[in-house]
Each structure stands twice: as C-alpha cells, then as structure tokens.
Amino acid sequence: MGLMKETTSAAIDTTAIHPGDLIRAKYADWNEAKNGIVTAVTGGEIRCLYFPGIRNVCNYFLIAADEVTEGLWEVSWSSDMKTIQTEGEQHDA
C-alpha cells in the first residue's frame, strides 16, 4: 500500500478571477468582510492584499479552495467594477 492516494478536490477556476481584480470577502469567523485586491490565483488558493486601516500598513489573507467548497467564505469580485461575481451565501447589509 502506497503513502499517497489519488483523490478529486475542489479547485479555483483561474479563468474566473485574476490578479488585479477587486475583491470583498468574509470568512465565517470574521465579524465583517474585508475589501482588497487579488494578487495571486492558483487552483488551490486566492491571495488578497488588503489595508487594515493602520497608517500605511497592508496585509494579506488567503482564500483556500477547500474552504470555499465547505461554505466558509462569502466572496464577491469584479474585474471591471461593472460586473460583480459572487460565490457563497451573501449576508451583506
């Protein structure tokens, strides 16, 4: 019996979201969504740059494909600020 096994898992569609897209995302444990800019997209994760409001500080958060599939993320993004795409149940007020 080998150590590795083949499985199928969720992957992010890299043709749907791109570096430079604007993003608004909320993780299940967060009180509010964060607005940012997509900096990298792979099949396994989306990396987002956001500004937490502390002077000139910036930070990143990662959106994992498996967590999106599990319903832990609410994500909205736009490439042109006209068309907004969404994934996950949206609870914005």
C-alpha atoms as a PDB file:
ATOM      1  CA  MET A   1       0.000   0.000   0.000  1.00  0.00           C
ATOM      2  CA  GLY A   2       1.438   3.383  -1.020  1.00  0.00           C
ATOM      3  CA  LEU A   3       1.607   6.532   1.047  1.00  0.00           C
ATOM      4  CA  MET A   4      -0.273   8.728  -1.427  1.00  0.00           C
ATOM      5  CA  LYS A   5      -3.697   8.181  -2.897  1.00  0.00           C
ATOM      6  CA  GLU A   6      -5.454   9.881  -5.749  1.00  0.00           C
ATOM      7  CA  THR A   7      -8.483  11.983  -4.892  1.00  0.00           C
ATOM      8  CA  THR A   8     -10.563  14.653  -6.513  1.00  0.00           C
ATOM      9  CA  SER A   9     -10.793  18.000  -4.803  1.00  0.00           C
ATOM     10  CA  ALA A  10     -12.192  21.447  -5.468  1.00  0.00           C
ATOM     11  CA  ALA A  11     -10.067  23.895  -7.417  1.00  0.00           C
ATOM     12  CA  ILE A  12     -10.413  27.601  -8.086  1.00  0.00           C
ATOM     13  CA  ASP A  13     -11.244  28.487 -11.689  1.00  0.00           C
ATOM     14  CA  THR A  14      -8.246  30.616 -12.647  1.00  0.00           C
ATOM     15  CA  THR A  15     -10.117  31.943 -15.691  1.00  0.00           C
ATOM     16  CA  ALA A  16     -12.850  33.476 -13.496  1.00  0.00           C
ATOM     17  CA  ILE A  17     -10.700  35.599 -11.162  1.00  0.00           C
ATOM     18  CA  HIS A  18      -7.368  37.259 -11.889  1.00  0.00           C
ATOM     19  CA  PRO A  19      -4.605  39.233 -10.174  1.00  0.00           C
ATOM     20  CA  GLY A  20      -5.686  42.871 -10.083  1.00  0.00           C
ATOM     21  CA  ASP A  21      -9.382  42.109  -9.575  1.00  0.00           C
ATOM     22  CA  LEU A  22     -11.116  43.888  -6.711  1.00  0.00           C
ATOM     23  CA  ILE A  23     -12.456  41.547  -4.042  1.00  0.00           C
ATOM     24  CA  ARG A  24     -14.713  41.661  -0.989  1.00  0.00           C
ATOM     25  CA  ALA A  25     -14.517  38.538   1.147  1.00  0.00           C
ATOM     26  CA  LYS A  26     -15.761  37.390   4.535  1.00  0.00           C
ATOM     27  CA  TYR A  27     -14.575  34.288   6.363  1.00  0.00           C
ATOM     28  CA  ALA A  28     -17.114  32.511   8.584  1.00  0.00           C
ATOM     29  CA  ASP A  29     -15.383  33.616  11.829  1.00  0.00           C
ATOM     30  CA  TRP A  30     -14.947  37.283  10.832  1.00  0.00           C
ATOM     31  CA  ASN A  31     -17.360  39.979  12.027  1.00  0.00           C
ATOM     32  CA  GLU A  32     -17.182  41.891   8.749  1.00  0.00           C
ATOM     33  CA  ALA A  33     -15.927  41.488   5.208  1.00  0.00           C
ATOM     34  CA  LYS A  34     -12.556  42.761   4.019  1.00  0.00           C
ATOM     35  CA  ASN A  35     -12.055  44.676   0.767  1.00  0.00           C
ATOM     36  CA  GLY A  36      -8.874  44.139  -1.189  1.00  0.00           C
ATOM     37  CA  ILE A  37      -7.046  43.390  -4.406  1.00  0.00           C
ATOM     38  CA  VAL A  38      -6.345  39.919  -5.747  1.00  0.00           C
ATOM     39  CA  THR A  39      -2.573  39.463  -6.040  1.00  0.00           C
ATOM     40  CA  ALA A  40      -2.297  35.779  -6.985  1.00  0.00           C
ATOM     41  CA  VAL A  41      -4.598  32.957  -8.065  1.00  0.00           C
ATOM     42  CA  THR A  42      -3.808  29.243  -8.190  1.00  0.00           C
ATOM     43  CA  GLY A  43      -6.051  26.207  -8.287  1.00  0.00           C
ATOM     44  CA  GLY A  44      -5.697  25.886  -4.519  1.00  0.00           C
ATOM     45  CA  GLU A  45      -5.966  29.459  -3.241  1.00  0.00           C
ATOM     46  CA  ILE A  46      -6.538  33.147  -3.864  1.00  0.00           C
ATOM     47  CA  ARG A  47      -4.118  35.604  -2.234  1.00  0.00           C
ATOM     48  CA  CYS A  48      -5.579  39.045  -1.445  1.00  0.00           C
ATOM     49  CA  LEU A  49      -3.923  42.283  -0.364  1.00  0.00           C
ATOM     50  CA  TYR A  50      -5.970  44.470   1.998  1.00  0.00           C
ATOM     51  CA  PHE A  51      -5.428  47.576   4.080  1.00  0.00           C
ATOM     52  CA  PRO A  52      -6.474  47.183   7.742  1.00  0.00           C
ATOM     53  CA  GLY A  53      -6.644  50.944   8.365  1.00  0.00           C
ATOM     54  CA  ILE A  54      -3.462  51.265  10.429  1.00  0.00           C
ATOM     55  CA  ARG A  55      -1.437  54.041   8.802  1.00  0.00           C
ATOM     56  CA  ASN A  56       0.461  52.686   5.793  1.00  0.00           C
ATOM     57  CA  VAL A  57       0.211  49.015   6.819  1.00  0.00           C
ATOM     58  CA  CYS A  58      -1.014  46.384   4.370  1.00  0.00           C
ATOM     59  CA  ASN A  59      -1.685  42.713   4.932  1.00  0.00           C
ATOM     60  CA  TYR A  60      -2.764  39.563   3.078  1.00  0.00           C
ATOM     61  CA  PHE A  61      -5.420  36.945   3.525  1.00  0.00           C
ATOM     62  CA  LEU A  62      -5.716  33.634   1.696  1.00  0.00           C
ATOM     63  CA  ILE A  63      -8.903  32.044   0.407  1.00  0.00           C
ATOM     64  CA  ALA A  64      -8.460  28.268   0.165  1.00  0.00           C
ATOM     65  CA  ALA A  65     -10.463  26.358  -2.446  1.00  0.00           C
ATOM     66  CA  ASP A  66     -11.453  23.675   0.068  1.00  0.00           C
ATOM     67  CA  GLU A  67     -12.801  26.323   2.485  1.00  0.00           C
ATOM     68  CA  VAL A  68     -14.913  27.900  -0.285  1.00  0.00           C
ATOM     69  CA  THR A  69     -16.374  24.468  -1.067  1.00  0.00           C
ATOM     70  CA  GLU A  70     -17.174  23.977   2.636  1.00  0.00           C
ATOM     71  CA  GLY A  71     -19.134  27.258   2.646  1.00  0.00           C
ATOM     72  CA  LEU A  72     -16.721  29.114   4.950  1.00  0.00           C
ATOM     73  CA  TRP A  73     -16.268  32.087   2.590  1.00  0.00           C
ATOM     74  CA  GLU A  74     -18.559  34.712   1.079  1.00  0.00           C
ATOM     75  CA  VAL A  75     -16.732  36.231  -1.886  1.00  0.00           C
ATOM     76  CA  SER A  76     -17.594  38.996  -4.361  1.00  0.00           C
ATOM     77  CA  TRP A  77     -15.157  40.178  -7.031  1.00  0.00           C
ATOM     78  CA  SER A  78     -15.001  42.362 -10.103  1.00  0.00           C
ATOM     79  CA  SER A  79     -12.570  42.845 -12.956  1.00  0.00           C
ATOM     80  CA  ASP A  80     -14.203  45.985 -14.338  1.00  0.00           C
ATOM     81  CA  MET A  81     -16.259  47.467 -11.446  1.00  0.00           C
ATOM     82  CA  LYS A  82     -19.399  46.949 -13.567  1.00  0.00           C
ATOM     83  CA  THR A  83     -19.947  43.205 -13.327  1.00  0.00           C
ATOM     84  CA  ILE A  84     -19.817  41.705  -9.841  1.00  0.00           C
ATOM     85  CA  GLN A  85     -19.384  37.945  -9.453  1.00  0.00           C
ATOM     86  CA  THR A  86     -20.281  36.161  -6.204  1.00  0.00           C
ATOM     87  CA  GLU A  87     -19.577  32.839  -4.532  1.00  0.00           C
ATOM     88  CA  GLY A  88     -21.050  31.642  -1.250  1.00  0.00           C
ATOM     89  CA  GLU A  89     -24.106  32.884   0.594  1.00  0.00           C
ATOM     90  CA  GLN A  90     -24.074  36.694   0.828  1.00  0.00           C
ATOM     91  CA  HIS A  91     -25.189  38.327   4.107  1.00  0.00           C
ATOM     92  CA  ASP A  92     -24.157  41.950   3.481  1.00  0.00           C
ATOM     93  CA  ALA A  93     -26.374  44.679   4.852  1.00  0.00           C
END
